[in-house]
Amino acid sequence: MNGHKKKNRLLPFRLIEAAASGDVDAINTVLKHYEGYIIVLSTRRLYDEYGKPYMVVDNEIRRTLETKLITKLLQFDVMRTA
């Protein structure tokens, strides 16, 4: 239960503000926060030569999602939400 609560924890406004202004450490913290969600979204089912399914993270999809998150962070208007 404790791990579940941590996943749903909101990021501090100051962290979002720093990420939106281009702070690399803040951006990396935001990416780390959403890492599990991004991995889930970028996981695909593939099949081996015997038709047995297995799951794999598609790194191209993962990088695309991370790039979109970074782009949106940098476009985020902190003043409009304050």
PDB file of N, CA and C in Angstrom:
ATOM      1  N   MET A   1       0.831  -1.198   0.000  1.00  0.00           N
ATOM      2  CA  MET A   1       0.000   0.000   0.000  1.00  0.00           C
ATOM      3  C   MET A   1       0.866   1.249   0.000  1.00  0.00           C
ATOM      4  N   ASN A   2       1.947   1.229   0.754  1.00  0.00           N
ATOM      5  CA  ASN A   2       2.804   2.399   0.835  1.00  0.00           C
ATOM      6  C   ASN A   2       3.387   2.768  -0.522  1.00  0.00           C
ATOM      7  N   GLY A   3       3.840   1.774  -1.321  1.00  0.00           N
ATOM      8  CA  GLY A   3       4.373   2.031  -2.652  1.00  0.00           C
ATOM      9  C   GLY A   3       3.309   2.603  -3.571  1.00  0.00           C
ATOM     10  N   HIS A   4       2.056   2.148  -3.409  1.00  0.00           N
ATOM     11  CA  HIS A   4       0.963   2.639  -4.246  1.00  0.00           C
ATOM     12  C   HIS A   4       0.703   4.114  -3.980  1.00  0.00           C
ATOM     13  N   LYS A   5       0.746   4.508  -2.705  1.00  0.00           N
ATOM     14  CA  LYS A   5       0.529   5.919  -2.373  1.00  0.00           C
ATOM     15  C   LYS A   5       1.616   6.797  -2.982  1.00  0.00           C
ATOM     16  N   LYS A   6       2.842   6.314  -2.960  1.00  0.00           N
ATOM     17  CA  LYS A   6       3.958   7.087  -3.500  1.00  0.00           C
ATOM     18  C   LYS A   6       3.759   7.351  -4.989  1.00  0.00           C
ATOM     19  N   LYS A   7       3.251   6.385  -5.728  1.00  0.00           N
ATOM     20  CA  LYS A   7       3.045   6.536  -7.163  1.00  0.00           C
ATOM     21  C   LYS A   7       2.020   7.624  -7.475  1.00  0.00           C
ATOM     22  N   ASN A   8       1.038   7.792  -6.608  1.00  0.00           N
ATOM     23  CA  ASN A   8      -0.026   8.761  -6.851  1.00  0.00           C
ATOM     24  C   ASN A   8       0.293  10.138  -6.283  1.00  0.00           C
ATOM     25  N   ARG A   9       1.439  10.288  -5.696  1.00  0.00           N
ATOM     26  CA  ARG A   9       1.818  11.557  -5.083  1.00  0.00           C
ATOM     27  C   ARG A   9       2.010  12.626  -6.165  1.00  0.00           C
ATOM     28  N   LEU A  10       1.471  13.799  -5.912  1.00  0.00           N
ATOM     29  CA  LEU A  10       1.629  14.911  -6.848  1.00  0.00           C
ATOM     30  C   LEU A  10       3.032  15.489  -6.728  1.00  0.00           C
ATOM     31  N   LEU A  11       3.535  15.957  -7.836  1.00  0.00           N
ATOM     32  CA  LEU A  11       4.837  16.615  -7.824  1.00  0.00           C
ATOM     33  C   LEU A  11       4.682  18.024  -7.264  1.00  0.00           C
ATOM     34  N   PRO A  12       5.666  18.488  -6.510  1.00  0.00           N
ATOM     35  CA  PRO A  12       5.598  19.849  -5.956  1.00  0.00           C
ATOM     36  C   PRO A  12       5.568  20.900  -7.075  1.00  0.00           C
ATOM     37  N   PHE A  13       4.812  21.953  -6.847  1.00  0.00           N
ATOM     38  CA  PHE A  13       4.691  23.021  -7.836  1.00  0.00           C
ATOM     39  C   PHE A  13       6.054  23.615  -8.178  1.00  0.00           C
ATOM     40  N   ARG A  14       6.914  23.782  -7.187  1.00  0.00           N
ATOM     41  CA  ARG A  14       8.245  24.358  -7.427  1.00  0.00           C
ATOM     42  C   ARG A  14       9.056  23.487  -8.390  1.00  0.00           C
ATOM     43  N   LEU A  15       8.868  22.176  -8.309  1.00  0.00           N
ATOM     44  CA  LEU A  15       9.567  21.273  -9.225  1.00  0.00           C
ATOM     45  C   LEU A  15       9.054  21.463 -10.648  1.00  0.00           C
ATOM     46  N   ILE A  16       7.752  21.550 -10.813  1.00  0.00           N
ATOM     47  CA  ILE A  16       7.162  21.778 -12.136  1.00  0.00           C
ATOM     48  C   ILE A  16       7.624  23.125 -12.684  1.00  0.00           C
ATOM     49  N   GLU A  17       7.632  24.125 -11.817  1.00  0.00           N
ATOM     50  CA  GLU A  17       8.081  25.462 -12.206  1.00  0.00           C
ATOM     51  C   GLU A  17       9.541  25.423 -12.689  1.00  0.00           C
ATOM     52  N   ALA A  18      10.390  24.719 -11.960  1.00  0.00           N
ATOM     53  CA  ALA A  18      11.803  24.609 -12.342  1.00  0.00           C
ATOM     54  C   ALA A  18      11.953  23.853 -13.660  1.00  0.00           C
ATOM     55  N   ALA A  19      11.204  22.772 -13.816  1.00  0.00           N
ATOM     56  CA  ALA A  19      11.262  21.992 -15.059  1.00  0.00           C
ATOM     57  C   ALA A  19      10.787  22.833 -16.239  1.00  0.00           C
ATOM     58  N   ALA A  20       9.725  23.596 -16.034  1.00  0.00           N
ATOM     59  CA  ALA A  20       9.183  24.441 -17.107  1.00  0.00           C
ATOM     60  C   ALA A  20      10.168  25.529 -17.519  1.00  0.00           C
ATOM     61  N   SER A  21      11.047  25.920 -16.604  1.00  0.00           N
ATOM     62  CA  SER A  21      12.038  26.946 -16.941  1.00  0.00           C
ATOM     63  C   SER A  21      13.332  26.332 -17.476  1.00  0.00           C
ATOM     64  N   GLY A  22      13.348  25.006 -17.646  1.00  0.00           N
ATOM     65  CA  GLY A  22      14.485  24.359 -18.289  1.00  0.00           C
ATOM     66  C   GLY A  22      15.509  23.739 -17.366  1.00  0.00           C
ATOM     67  N   ASP A  23      15.242  23.692 -16.077  1.00  0.00           N
ATOM     68  CA  ASP A  23      16.178  23.081 -15.126  1.00  0.00           C
ATOM     69  C   ASP A  23      16.302  21.585 -15.423  1.00  0.00           C
ATOM     70  N   VAL A  24      17.486  21.162 -15.851  1.00  0.00           N
ATOM     71  CA  VAL A  24      17.702  19.780 -16.283  1.00  0.00           C
ATOM     72  C   VAL A  24      17.450  18.784 -15.159  1.00  0.00           C
ATOM     73  N   ASP A  25      17.891  19.100 -13.947  1.00  0.00           N
ATOM     74  CA  ASP A  25      17.665  18.198 -12.815  1.00  0.00           C
ATOM     75  C   ASP A  25      16.171  18.041 -12.530  1.00  0.00           C
ATOM     76  N   ALA A  26      15.428  19.123 -12.612  1.00  0.00           N
ATOM     77  CA  ALA A  26      13.983  19.075 -12.387  1.00  0.00           C
ATOM     78  C   ALA A  26      13.298  18.258 -13.483  1.00  0.00           C
ATOM     79  N   ILE A  27      13.714  18.457 -14.724  1.00  0.00           N
ATOM     80  CA  ILE A  27      13.141  17.687 -15.828  1.00  0.00           C
ATOM     81  C   ILE A  27      13.401  16.197 -15.616  1.00  0.00           C
ATOM     82  N   ASN A  28      14.623  15.857 -15.215  1.00  0.00           N
ATOM     83  CA  ASN A  28      14.951  14.454 -14.960  1.00  0.00           C
ATOM     84  C   ASN A  28      14.141  13.876 -13.806  1.00  0.00           C
ATOM     85  N   THR A  29      13.860  14.693 -12.799  1.00  0.00           N
ATOM     86  CA  THR A  29      13.037  14.249 -11.674  1.00  0.00           C
ATOM     87  C   THR A  29      11.608  13.964 -12.141  1.00  0.00           C
ATOM     88  N   VAL A  30      11.072  14.824 -12.998  1.00  0.00           N
ATOM     89  CA  VAL A  30       9.729  14.608 -13.549  1.00  0.00           C
ATOM     90  C   VAL A  30       9.713  13.332 -14.388  1.00  0.00           C
ATOM     91  N   LEU A  31      10.730  13.158 -15.231  1.00  0.00           N
ATOM     92  CA  LEU A  31      10.817  11.936 -16.048  1.00  0.00           C
ATOM     93  C   LEU A  31      10.879  10.695 -15.166  1.00  0.00           C
ATOM     94  N   LYS A  32      11.664  10.755 -14.103  1.00  0.00           N
ATOM     95  CA  LYS A  32      11.777   9.619 -13.175  1.00  0.00           C
ATOM     96  C   LYS A  32      10.422   9.331 -12.516  1.00  0.00           C
ATOM     97  N   HIS A  33       9.703  10.383 -12.172  1.00  0.00           N
ATOM     98  CA  HIS A  33       8.393  10.232 -11.529  1.00  0.00           C
ATOM     99  C   HIS A  33       7.422   9.468 -12.437  1.00  0.00           C
ATOM    100  N   TYR A  34       7.464   9.758 -13.723  1.00  0.00           N
ATOM    101  CA  TYR A  34       6.545   9.143 -14.678  1.00  0.00           C
ATOM    102  C   TYR A  34       7.142   7.938 -15.406  1.00  0.00           C
ATOM    103  N   GLU A  35       8.329   7.512 -15.005  1.00  0.00           N
ATOM    104  CA  GLU A  35       9.025   6.418 -15.675  1.00  0.00           C
ATOM    105  C   GLU A  35       8.185   5.140 -15.760  1.00  0.00           C
ATOM    106  N   GLY A  36       7.581   4.744 -14.666  1.00  0.00           N
ATOM    107  CA  GLY A  36       6.767   3.525 -14.657  1.00  0.00           C
ATOM    108  C   GLY A  36       5.587   3.612 -15.604  1.00  0.00           C
ATOM    109  N   TYR A  37       4.920   4.739 -15.614  1.00  0.00           N
ATOM    110  CA  TYR A  37       3.773   4.953 -16.498  1.00  0.00           C
ATOM    111  C   TYR A  37       4.204   4.919 -17.956  1.00  0.00           C
ATOM    112  N   ILE A  38       5.334   5.561 -18.246  1.00  0.00           N
ATOM    113  CA  ILE A  38       5.853   5.572 -19.616  1.00  0.00           C
ATOM    114  C   ILE A  38       6.222   4.159 -20.059  1.00  0.00           C
ATOM    115  N   ILE A  39       6.823   3.389 -19.165  1.00  0.00           N
ATOM    116  CA  ILE A  39       7.178   2.004 -19.491  1.00  0.00           C
ATOM    117  C   ILE A  39       5.931   1.189 -19.803  1.00  0.00           C
ATOM    118  N   VAL A  40       4.903   1.348 -19.004  1.00  0.00           N
ATOM    119  CA  VAL A  40       3.648   0.622 -19.258  1.00  0.00           C
ATOM    120  C   VAL A  40       3.088   0.999 -20.629  1.00  0.00           C
ATOM    121  N   LEU A  41       3.082   2.284 -20.942  1.00  0.00           N
ATOM    122  CA  LEU A  41       2.543   2.746 -22.220  1.00  0.00           C
ATOM    123  C   LEU A  41       3.377   2.287 -23.411  1.00  0.00           C
ATOM    124  N   SER A  42       4.656   2.043 -23.204  1.00  0.00           N
ATOM    125  CA  SER A  42       5.523   1.671 -24.319  1.00  0.00           C
ATOM    126  C   SER A  42       5.813   0.170 -24.383  1.00  0.00           C
ATOM    127  N   THR A  43       5.106  -0.613 -23.590  1.00  0.00           N
ATOM    128  CA  THR A  43       5.288  -2.062 -23.597  1.00  0.00           C
ATOM    129  C   THR A  43       4.418  -2.687 -24.679  1.00  0.00           C
ATOM    130  N   ARG A  44       5.052  -3.572 -25.448  1.00  0.00           N
ATOM    131  CA  ARG A  44       4.355  -4.243 -26.553  1.00  0.00           C
ATOM    132  C   ARG A  44       4.433  -5.747 -26.378  1.00  0.00           C
ATOM    133  N   ARG A  45       3.442  -6.422 -26.899  1.00  0.00           N
ATOM    134  CA  ARG A  45       3.435  -7.882 -26.902  1.00  0.00           C
ATOM    135  C   ARG A  45       4.022  -8.349 -28.236  1.00  0.00           C
ATOM    136  N   LEU A  46       5.061  -9.155 -28.156  1.00  0.00           N
ATOM    137  CA  LEU A  46       5.663  -9.765 -29.334  1.00  0.00           C
ATOM    138  C   LEU A  46       5.551 -11.282 -29.201  1.00  0.00           C
ATOM    139  N   TYR A  47       5.844 -11.983 -30.272  1.00  0.00           N
ATOM    140  CA  TYR A  47       5.741 -13.440 -30.275  1.00  0.00           C
ATOM    141  C   TYR A  47       7.050 -14.046 -30.743  1.00  0.00           C
ATOM    142  N   ASP A  48       7.475 -15.121 -30.059  1.00  0.00           N
ATOM    143  CA  ASP A  48       8.689 -15.806 -30.484  1.00  0.00           C
ATOM    144  C   ASP A  48       8.383 -16.736 -31.660  1.00  0.00           C
ATOM    145  N   GLU A  49       9.394 -17.466 -32.127  1.00  0.00           N
ATOM    146  CA  GLU A  49       9.229 -18.307 -33.314  1.00  0.00           C
ATOM    147  C   GLU A  49       8.237 -19.453 -33.111  1.00  0.00           C
ATOM    148  N   TYR A  50       7.881 -19.726 -31.838  1.00  0.00           N
ATOM    149  CA  TYR A  50       6.904 -20.774 -31.540  1.00  0.00           C
ATOM    150  C   TYR A  50       5.507 -20.210 -31.298  1.00  0.00           C
ATOM    151  N   GLY A  51       5.359 -18.915 -31.453  1.00  0.00           N
ATOM    152  CA  GLY A  51       4.068 -18.274 -31.248  1.00  0.00           C
ATOM    153  C   GLY A  51       3.782 -17.912 -29.807  1.00  0.00           C
ATOM    154  N   LYS A  52       4.766 -18.101 -28.928  1.00  0.00           N
ATOM    155  CA  LYS A  52       4.580 -17.778 -27.517  1.00  0.00           C
ATOM    156  C   LYS A  52       4.755 -16.265 -27.321  1.00  0.00           C
ATOM    157  N   PRO A  53       3.785 -15.619 -26.683  1.00  0.00           N
ATOM    158  CA  PRO A  53       3.870 -14.162 -26.496  1.00  0.00           C
ATOM    159  C   PRO A  53       4.854 -13.788 -25.379  1.00  0.00           C
ATOM    160  N   TYR A  54       5.484 -12.651 -25.535  1.00  0.00           N
ATOM    161  CA  TYR A  54       6.313 -12.078 -24.484  1.00  0.00           C
ATOM    162  C   TYR A  54       6.213 -10.562 -24.590  1.00  0.00           C
ATOM    163  N   MET A  55       6.460  -9.906 -23.475  1.00  0.00           N
ATOM    164  CA  MET A  55       6.329  -8.453 -23.408  1.00  0.00           C
ATOM    165  C   MET A  55       7.711  -7.817 -23.479  1.00  0.00           C
ATOM    166  N   VAL A  56       7.783  -6.699 -24.192  1.00  0.00           N
ATOM    167  CA  VAL A  56       9.046  -5.978 -24.336  1.00  0.00           C
ATOM    168  C   VAL A  56       8.750  -4.478 -24.391  1.00  0.00           C
ATOM    169  N   VAL A  57       9.655  -3.700 -23.802  1.00  0.00           N
ATOM    170  CA  VAL A  57       9.532  -2.241 -23.869  1.00  0.00           C
ATOM    171  C   VAL A  57      10.070  -1.796 -25.222  1.00  0.00           C
ATOM    172  N   ASP A  58       9.232  -1.100 -25.963  1.00  0.00           N
ATOM    173  CA  ASP A  58       9.637  -0.537 -27.252  1.00  0.00           C
ATOM    174  C   ASP A  58      10.335   0.790 -26.953  1.00  0.00           C
ATOM    175  N   ASN A  59      11.668   0.791 -27.068  1.00  0.00           N
ATOM    176  CA  ASN A  59      12.436   1.981 -26.697  1.00  0.00           C
ATOM    177  C   ASN A  59      12.160   3.176 -27.585  1.00  0.00           C
ATOM    178  N   GLU A  60      11.743   2.952 -28.818  1.00  0.00           N
ATOM    179  CA  GLU A  60      11.387   4.071 -29.691  1.00  0.00           C
ATOM    180  C   GLU A  60      10.134   4.772 -29.169  1.00  0.00           C
ATOM    181  N   ILE A  61       9.142   3.995 -28.787  1.00  0.00           N
ATOM    182  CA  ILE A  61       7.920   4.570 -28.206  1.00  0.00           C
ATOM    183  C   ILE A  61       8.258   5.263 -26.887  1.00  0.00           C
ATOM    184  N   ARG A  62       9.091   4.613 -26.069  1.00  0.00           N
ATOM    185  CA  ARG A  62       9.479   5.191 -24.777  1.00  0.00           C
ATOM    186  C   ARG A  62      10.152   6.548 -24.978  1.00  0.00           C
ATOM    187  N   ARG A  63      11.109   6.627 -25.880  1.00  0.00           N
ATOM    188  CA  ARG A  63      11.798   7.895 -26.137  1.00  0.00           C
ATOM    189  C   ARG A  63      10.834   8.952 -26.676  1.00  0.00           C
ATOM    190  N   THR A  64       9.899   8.534 -27.520  1.00  0.00           N
ATOM    191  CA  THR A  64       8.912   9.471 -28.055  1.00  0.00           C
ATOM    192  C   THR A  64       8.058  10.053 -26.933  1.00  0.00           C
ATOM    193  N   LEU A  65       7.613   9.214 -26.012  1.00  0.00           N
ATOM    194  CA  LEU A  65       6.797   9.678 -24.885  1.00  0.00           C
ATOM    195  C   LEU A  65       7.605  10.606 -23.969  1.00  0.00           C
ATOM    196  N   GLU A  66       8.861  10.244 -23.710  1.00  0.00           N
ATOM    197  CA  GLU A  66       9.702  11.103 -22.873  1.00  0.00           C
ATOM    198  C   GLU A  66       9.931  12.456 -23.544  1.00  0.00           C
ATOM    199  N   THR A  67      10.163  12.442 -24.840  1.00  0.00           N
ATOM    200  CA  THR A  67      10.372  13.692 -25.581  1.00  0.00           C
ATOM    201  C   THR A  67       9.125  14.562 -25.545  1.00  0.00           C
ATOM    202  N   LYS A  68       7.960  13.944 -25.704  1.00  0.00           N
ATOM    203  CA  LYS A  68       6.706  14.710 -25.643  1.00  0.00           C
ATOM    204  C   LYS A  68       6.496  15.309 -24.263  1.00  0.00           C
ATOM    205  N   LEU A  69       6.819  14.553 -23.218  1.00  0.00           N
ATOM    206  CA  LEU A  69       6.686  15.071 -21.860  1.00  0.00           C
ATOM    207  C   LEU A  69       7.620  16.264 -21.643  1.00  0.00           C
ATOM    208  N   ILE A  70       8.864  16.134 -22.080  1.00  0.00           N
ATOM    209  CA  ILE A  70       9.814  17.236 -21.943  1.00  0.00           C
ATOM    210  C   ILE A  70       9.332  18.459 -22.719  1.00  0.00           C
ATOM    211  N   THR A  71       8.867  18.245 -23.938  1.00  0.00           N
ATOM    212  CA  THR A  71       8.374  19.349 -24.770  1.00  0.00           C
ATOM    213  C   THR A  71       7.219  20.070 -24.087  1.00  0.00           C
ATOM    214  N   LYS A  72       6.286  19.316 -23.555  1.00  0.00           N
ATOM    215  CA  LYS A  72       5.126  19.929 -22.873  1.00  0.00           C
ATOM    216  C   LYS A  72       5.549  20.644 -21.599  1.00  0.00           C
ATOM    217  N   LEU A  73       6.515  20.079 -20.887  1.00  0.00           N
ATOM    218  CA  LEU A  73       7.025  20.762 -19.692  1.00  0.00           C
ATOM    219  C   LEU A  73       7.597  22.131 -20.053  1.00  0.00           C
ATOM    220  N   LEU A  74       8.382  22.163 -21.122  1.00  0.00           N
ATOM    221  CA  LEU A  74       9.030  23.415 -21.515  1.00  0.00           C
ATOM    222  C   LEU A  74       8.037  24.435 -22.080  1.00  0.00           C
ATOM    223  N   GLN A  75       6.884  23.959 -22.552  1.00  0.00           N
ATOM    224  CA  GLN A  75       5.840  24.855 -23.060  1.00  0.00           C
ATOM    225  C   GLN A  75       4.850  25.263 -21.977  1.00  0.00           C
ATOM    226  N   PHE A  76       4.943  24.638 -20.812  1.00  0.00           N
ATOM    227  CA  PHE A  76       3.977  24.857 -19.742  1.00  0.00           C
ATOM    228  C   PHE A  76       4.055  26.299 -19.239  1.00  0.00           C
ATOM    229  N   ASP A  77       2.917  26.957 -19.178  1.00  0.00           N
ATOM    230  CA  ASP A  77       2.821  28.344 -18.730  1.00  0.00           C
ATOM    231  C   ASP A  77       2.535  28.347 -17.223  1.00  0.00           C
ATOM    232  N   VAL A  78       3.582  28.473 -16.442  1.00  0.00           N
ATOM    233  CA  VAL A  78       3.453  28.447 -14.984  1.00  0.00           C
ATOM    234  C   VAL A  78       2.623  29.623 -14.486  1.00  0.00           C
ATOM    235  N   MET A  79       2.780  30.774 -15.094  1.00  0.00           N
ATOM    236  CA  MET A  79       2.053  31.970 -14.643  1.00  0.00           C
ATOM    237  C   MET A  79       0.551  31.823 -14.816  1.00  0.00           C
ATOM    238  N   ARG A  80       0.132  31.125 -15.851  1.00  0.00           N
ATOM    239  CA  ARG A  80      -1.304  30.935 -16.106  1.00  0.00           C
ATOM    240  C   ARG A  80      -1.944  30.047 -15.054  1.00  0.00           C
ATOM    241  N   THR A  81      -1.166  29.121 -14.462  1.00  0.00           N
ATOM    242  CA  THR A  81      -1.724  28.177 -13.494  1.00  0.00           C
ATOM    243  C   THR A  81      -1.559  28.643 -12.067  1.00  0.00           C
ATOM    244  N   ALA A  82      -0.733  29.634 -11.831  1.00  0.00           N
ATOM    245  CA  ALA A  82      -0.453  30.090 -10.459  1.00  0.00           C
ATOM    246  C   ALA A  82      -1.604  30.860  -9.887  1.00  0.00           C
TER     247      ALA A  82
END
